[in-house]
Amino acid sequence: MKLSNILEGWGKTLGLLGVSAEERKLSWERLKICQACPGAKESKVLMMIKKAPTETDVIYCTECSCPCNEKSLVTGETCPLNKW
């Protein structure tokens, strides 16, 4: 994941950047796939830094180490396992 994509994903999560309805829908579709993936694990760090996190807010990918929620919000990103 490129630095610019990391910043974009976190910017959208923190509300610093806007998220269109299409991006939210795409993100949700991607997160459903991530949740079912055996490579997705819960992150204690994400649990500590996010206020009132949902289940999808705190999972990360063990293949690329990216937080799934933030990565899913970046249209140009892809799954390292080619699942999305």
N, C-alpha and C. Protein backbone atom coordinates (compact mmCIF):
# COMPACT_ATOMS: atom_id res chain seq x y z
N MET A 1 0.85 -1.17 0.00
CA MET A 1 0.00 0.00 0.00
C MET A 1 0.90 1.24 0.00
N LYS A 2 0.63 2.13 -0.91
CA LYS A 2 1.42 3.36 -1.02
C LYS A 2 1.08 4.32 0.12
N LEU A 3 2.04 5.15 0.49
CA LEU A 3 1.83 6.13 1.55
C LEU A 3 0.62 7.02 1.27
N SER A 4 0.46 7.43 0.03
CA SER A 4 -0.68 8.29 -0.31
C SER A 4 -2.01 7.56 -0.07
N ASN A 5 -2.05 6.25 -0.33
CA ASN A 5 -3.26 5.47 -0.08
C ASN A 5 -3.51 5.29 1.40
N ILE A 6 -2.43 5.11 2.18
CA ILE A 6 -2.57 5.00 3.63
C ILE A 6 -3.18 6.29 4.18
N LEU A 7 -2.64 7.42 3.75
CA LEU A 7 -3.15 8.71 4.20
C LEU A 7 -4.60 8.91 3.77
N GLU A 8 -4.93 8.51 2.56
CA GLU A 8 -6.31 8.64 2.09
C GLU A 8 -7.26 7.78 2.93
N GLY A 9 -6.88 6.53 3.18
CA GLY A 9 -7.74 5.64 3.96
C GLY A 9 -7.98 6.16 5.37
N TRP A 10 -6.91 6.59 6.03
CA TRP A 10 -7.06 7.14 7.39
C TRP A 10 -7.79 8.47 7.35
N GLY A 11 -7.55 9.29 6.34
CA GLY A 11 -8.27 10.56 6.21
C GLY A 11 -9.76 10.36 6.09
N LYS A 12 -10.16 9.33 5.35
CA LYS A 12 -11.59 9.02 5.20
C LYS A 12 -12.15 8.46 6.50
N THR A 13 -11.40 7.61 7.19
CA THR A 13 -11.86 7.05 8.45
C THR A 13 -12.05 8.13 9.51
N LEU A 14 -11.12 9.07 9.55
CA LEU A 14 -11.16 10.12 10.57
C LEU A 14 -12.09 11.28 10.19
N GLY A 15 -12.68 11.23 9.01
CA GLY A 15 -13.59 12.28 8.59
C GLY A 15 -12.90 13.52 8.03
N LEU A 16 -11.62 13.41 7.76
CA LEU A 16 -10.88 14.53 7.19
C LEU A 16 -11.10 14.63 5.68
N LEU A 17 -11.45 13.52 5.07
CA LEU A 17 -11.76 13.46 3.64
C LEU A 17 -13.17 12.90 3.48
N GLY A 18 -13.86 13.35 2.48
CA GLY A 18 -15.21 12.86 2.24
C GLY A 18 -15.22 11.46 1.66
N VAL A 19 -16.32 10.76 1.91
CA VAL A 19 -16.51 9.42 1.37
C VAL A 19 -17.86 9.41 0.66
N SER A 20 -17.84 9.11 -0.63
CA SER A 20 -19.08 9.08 -1.41
C SER A 20 -19.89 7.83 -1.07
N ALA A 21 -21.14 7.84 -1.46
CA ALA A 21 -22.01 6.68 -1.25
C ALA A 21 -21.46 5.46 -1.97
N GLU A 22 -20.90 5.67 -3.16
CA GLU A 22 -20.33 4.57 -3.93
C GLU A 22 -19.11 3.98 -3.21
N GLU A 23 -18.28 4.86 -2.63
CA GLU A 23 -17.10 4.39 -1.90
C GLU A 23 -17.51 3.63 -0.64
N ARG A 24 -18.55 4.09 0.04
CA ARG A 24 -19.04 3.38 1.23
C ARG A 24 -19.56 1.98 0.86
N LYS A 25 -20.29 1.92 -0.25
CA LYS A 25 -20.83 0.63 -0.70
C LYS A 25 -19.69 -0.31 -1.08
N LEU A 26 -18.71 0.18 -1.83
CA LEU A 26 -17.57 -0.63 -2.22
C LEU A 26 -16.80 -1.11 -0.99
N SER A 27 -16.61 -0.21 -0.04
CA SER A 27 -15.90 -0.55 1.19
C SER A 27 -16.63 -1.66 1.94
N TRP A 28 -17.95 -1.54 2.07
CA TRP A 28 -18.73 -2.54 2.79
C TRP A 28 -18.63 -3.91 2.09
N GLU A 29 -18.71 -3.92 0.77
CA GLU A 29 -18.58 -5.18 0.03
C GLU A 29 -17.21 -5.81 0.27
N ARG A 30 -16.17 -4.99 0.25
CA ARG A 30 -14.82 -5.49 0.51
C ARG A 30 -14.68 -6.00 1.94
N LEU A 31 -15.23 -5.27 2.91
CA LEU A 31 -15.11 -5.66 4.31
C LEU A 31 -15.82 -6.98 4.61
N LYS A 32 -16.93 -7.24 3.91
CA LYS A 32 -17.62 -8.53 4.09
C LYS A 32 -16.69 -9.67 3.68
N ILE A 33 -15.94 -9.46 2.61
CA ILE A 33 -14.99 -10.48 2.15
C ILE A 33 -13.86 -10.62 3.17
N CYS A 34 -13.36 -9.50 3.65
CA CYS A 34 -12.27 -9.53 4.64
C CYS A 34 -12.69 -10.25 5.92
N GLN A 35 -13.89 -9.97 6.39
CA GLN A 35 -14.36 -10.60 7.62
C GLN A 35 -14.37 -12.12 7.52
N ALA A 36 -14.69 -12.63 6.35
CA ALA A 36 -14.77 -14.07 6.14
C ALA A 36 -13.40 -14.71 5.86
N CYS A 37 -12.40 -13.89 5.64
CA CYS A 37 -11.08 -14.38 5.26
C CYS A 37 -10.30 -14.87 6.49
N PRO A 38 -9.68 -16.04 6.41
CA PRO A 38 -8.86 -16.52 7.53
C PRO A 38 -7.62 -15.66 7.77
N GLY A 39 -7.26 -14.83 6.82
CA GLY A 39 -6.10 -13.95 6.97
C GLY A 39 -6.40 -12.67 7.73
N ALA A 40 -7.66 -12.43 8.06
CA ALA A 40 -8.04 -11.23 8.82
C ALA A 40 -8.00 -11.54 10.30
N LYS A 41 -7.32 -10.69 11.04
CA LYS A 41 -7.18 -10.87 12.49
C LYS A 41 -7.57 -9.58 13.21
N GLU A 42 -8.00 -9.73 14.46
CA GLU A 42 -8.33 -8.57 15.28
C GLU A 42 -7.05 -7.92 15.79
N SER A 43 -7.03 -6.60 15.74
CA SER A 43 -5.86 -5.84 16.19
C SER A 43 -6.15 -5.15 17.52
N LYS A 44 -5.36 -5.46 18.51
CA LYS A 44 -5.51 -4.79 19.81
C LYS A 44 -5.15 -3.31 19.70
N VAL A 45 -4.21 -2.98 18.84
CA VAL A 45 -3.83 -1.58 18.65
C VAL A 45 -4.99 -0.79 18.07
N LEU A 46 -5.64 -1.33 17.05
CA LEU A 46 -6.78 -0.64 16.45
C LEU A 46 -7.91 -0.51 17.47
N MET A 47 -8.08 -1.50 18.32
CA MET A 47 -9.12 -1.43 19.36
C MET A 47 -8.84 -0.28 20.32
N MET A 48 -7.57 -0.04 20.62
CA MET A 48 -7.21 1.01 21.57
C MET A 48 -7.34 2.41 20.98
N ILE A 49 -7.05 2.57 19.69
CA ILE A 49 -7.03 3.92 19.12
C ILE A 49 -8.36 4.37 18.54
N LYS A 50 -9.29 3.46 18.33
CA LYS A 50 -10.57 3.84 17.75
C LYS A 50 -11.64 3.94 18.84
N LYS A 51 -12.44 4.98 18.75
CA LYS A 51 -13.54 5.17 19.70
C LYS A 51 -14.72 4.32 19.27
N ALA A 52 -15.25 3.54 20.18
CA ALA A 52 -16.42 2.69 19.92
C ALA A 52 -16.30 1.94 18.59
N PRO A 53 -15.24 1.14 18.44
CA PRO A 53 -15.04 0.45 17.15
C PRO A 53 -16.07 -0.65 16.89
N THR A 54 -16.38 -0.83 15.63
CA THR A 54 -17.20 -1.96 15.22
C THR A 54 -16.27 -3.12 14.91
N GLU A 55 -16.83 -4.27 14.63
CA GLU A 55 -16.02 -5.46 14.34
C GLU A 55 -15.10 -5.24 13.14
N THR A 56 -15.61 -4.56 12.11
CA THR A 56 -14.78 -4.35 10.92
C THR A 56 -13.76 -3.24 11.10
N ASP A 57 -13.91 -2.40 12.12
CA ASP A 57 -12.95 -1.33 12.38
C ASP A 57 -11.63 -1.84 12.92
N VAL A 58 -11.62 -3.04 13.48
CA VAL A 58 -10.42 -3.49 14.20
C VAL A 58 -9.73 -4.70 13.57
N ILE A 59 -10.11 -5.06 12.35
CA ILE A 59 -9.42 -6.18 11.72
C ILE A 59 -8.34 -5.67 10.77
N TYR A 60 -7.29 -6.45 10.67
CA TYR A 60 -6.21 -6.14 9.74
C TYR A 60 -5.88 -7.39 8.94
N CYS A 61 -5.22 -7.20 7.83
CA CYS A 61 -4.85 -8.29 6.93
C CYS A 61 -3.46 -8.82 7.32
N THR A 62 -3.35 -10.10 7.57
CA THR A 62 -2.06 -10.67 7.93
C THR A 62 -1.15 -10.83 6.70
N GLU A 63 -1.71 -10.72 5.51
CA GLU A 63 -0.90 -10.81 4.29
C GLU A 63 -0.12 -9.52 4.03
N CYS A 64 -0.78 -8.38 4.22
CA CYS A 64 -0.13 -7.10 3.91
C CYS A 64 0.01 -6.20 5.14
N SER A 65 -0.57 -6.60 6.25
CA SER A 65 -0.54 -5.86 7.53
C SER A 65 -1.36 -4.58 7.53
N CYS A 66 -2.19 -4.37 6.53
CA CYS A 66 -3.00 -3.16 6.46
C CYS A 66 -4.28 -3.31 7.28
N PRO A 67 -4.75 -2.21 7.89
CA PRO A 67 -6.06 -2.25 8.53
C PRO A 67 -7.13 -2.35 7.43
N CYS A 68 -7.98 -3.34 7.53
CA CYS A 68 -8.94 -3.62 6.45
C CYS A 68 -9.90 -2.47 6.18
N ASN A 69 -10.41 -1.84 7.24
CA ASN A 69 -11.36 -0.75 7.04
C ASN A 69 -10.74 0.38 6.23
N GLU A 70 -9.55 0.81 6.60
CA GLU A 70 -8.91 1.92 5.90
C GLU A 70 -8.55 1.54 4.47
N LYS A 71 -8.04 0.33 4.28
CA LYS A 71 -7.66 -0.10 2.94
C LYS A 71 -8.89 -0.22 2.03
N SER A 72 -10.00 -0.69 2.59
CA SER A 72 -11.21 -0.88 1.79
C SER A 72 -11.81 0.43 1.30
N LEU A 73 -11.49 1.55 1.95
CA LEU A 73 -12.02 2.85 1.55
C LEU A 73 -11.28 3.48 0.38
N VAL A 74 -10.14 2.90 0.00
CA VAL A 74 -9.34 3.46 -1.09
C VAL A 74 -9.67 2.69 -2.36
N THR A 75 -10.33 3.36 -3.27
CA THR A 75 -10.82 2.72 -4.50
C THR A 75 -9.71 2.00 -5.26
N GLY A 76 -8.53 2.58 -5.33
CA GLY A 76 -7.44 2.00 -6.11
C GLY A 76 -6.70 0.86 -5.44
N GLU A 77 -7.05 0.51 -4.21
CA GLU A 77 -6.38 -0.58 -3.51
C GLU A 77 -6.96 -1.93 -3.91
N THR A 78 -6.18 -2.98 -3.72
CA THR A 78 -6.63 -4.33 -4.02
C THR A 78 -6.22 -5.26 -2.87
N CYS A 79 -6.88 -6.37 -2.78
CA CYS A 79 -6.55 -7.39 -1.79
C CYS A 79 -5.29 -8.14 -2.25
N PRO A 80 -4.36 -8.39 -1.34
CA PRO A 80 -3.14 -9.11 -1.72
C PRO A 80 -3.42 -10.56 -2.13
N LEU A 81 -4.59 -11.08 -1.77
CA LEU A 81 -4.97 -12.43 -2.15
C LEU A 81 -5.92 -12.43 -3.35
N ASN A 82 -6.08 -11.26 -3.97
CA ASN A 82 -6.95 -11.09 -5.14
C ASN A 82 -8.41 -11.45 -4.87
N LYS A 83 -8.88 -11.24 -3.65
CA LYS A 83 -10.27 -11.51 -3.32
C LYS A 83 -11.17 -10.34 -3.66
N TRP A 84 -10.57 -9.15 -3.79
CA TRP A 84 -11.30 -7.96 -4.26
C TRP A 84 -10.35 -6.99 -4.91
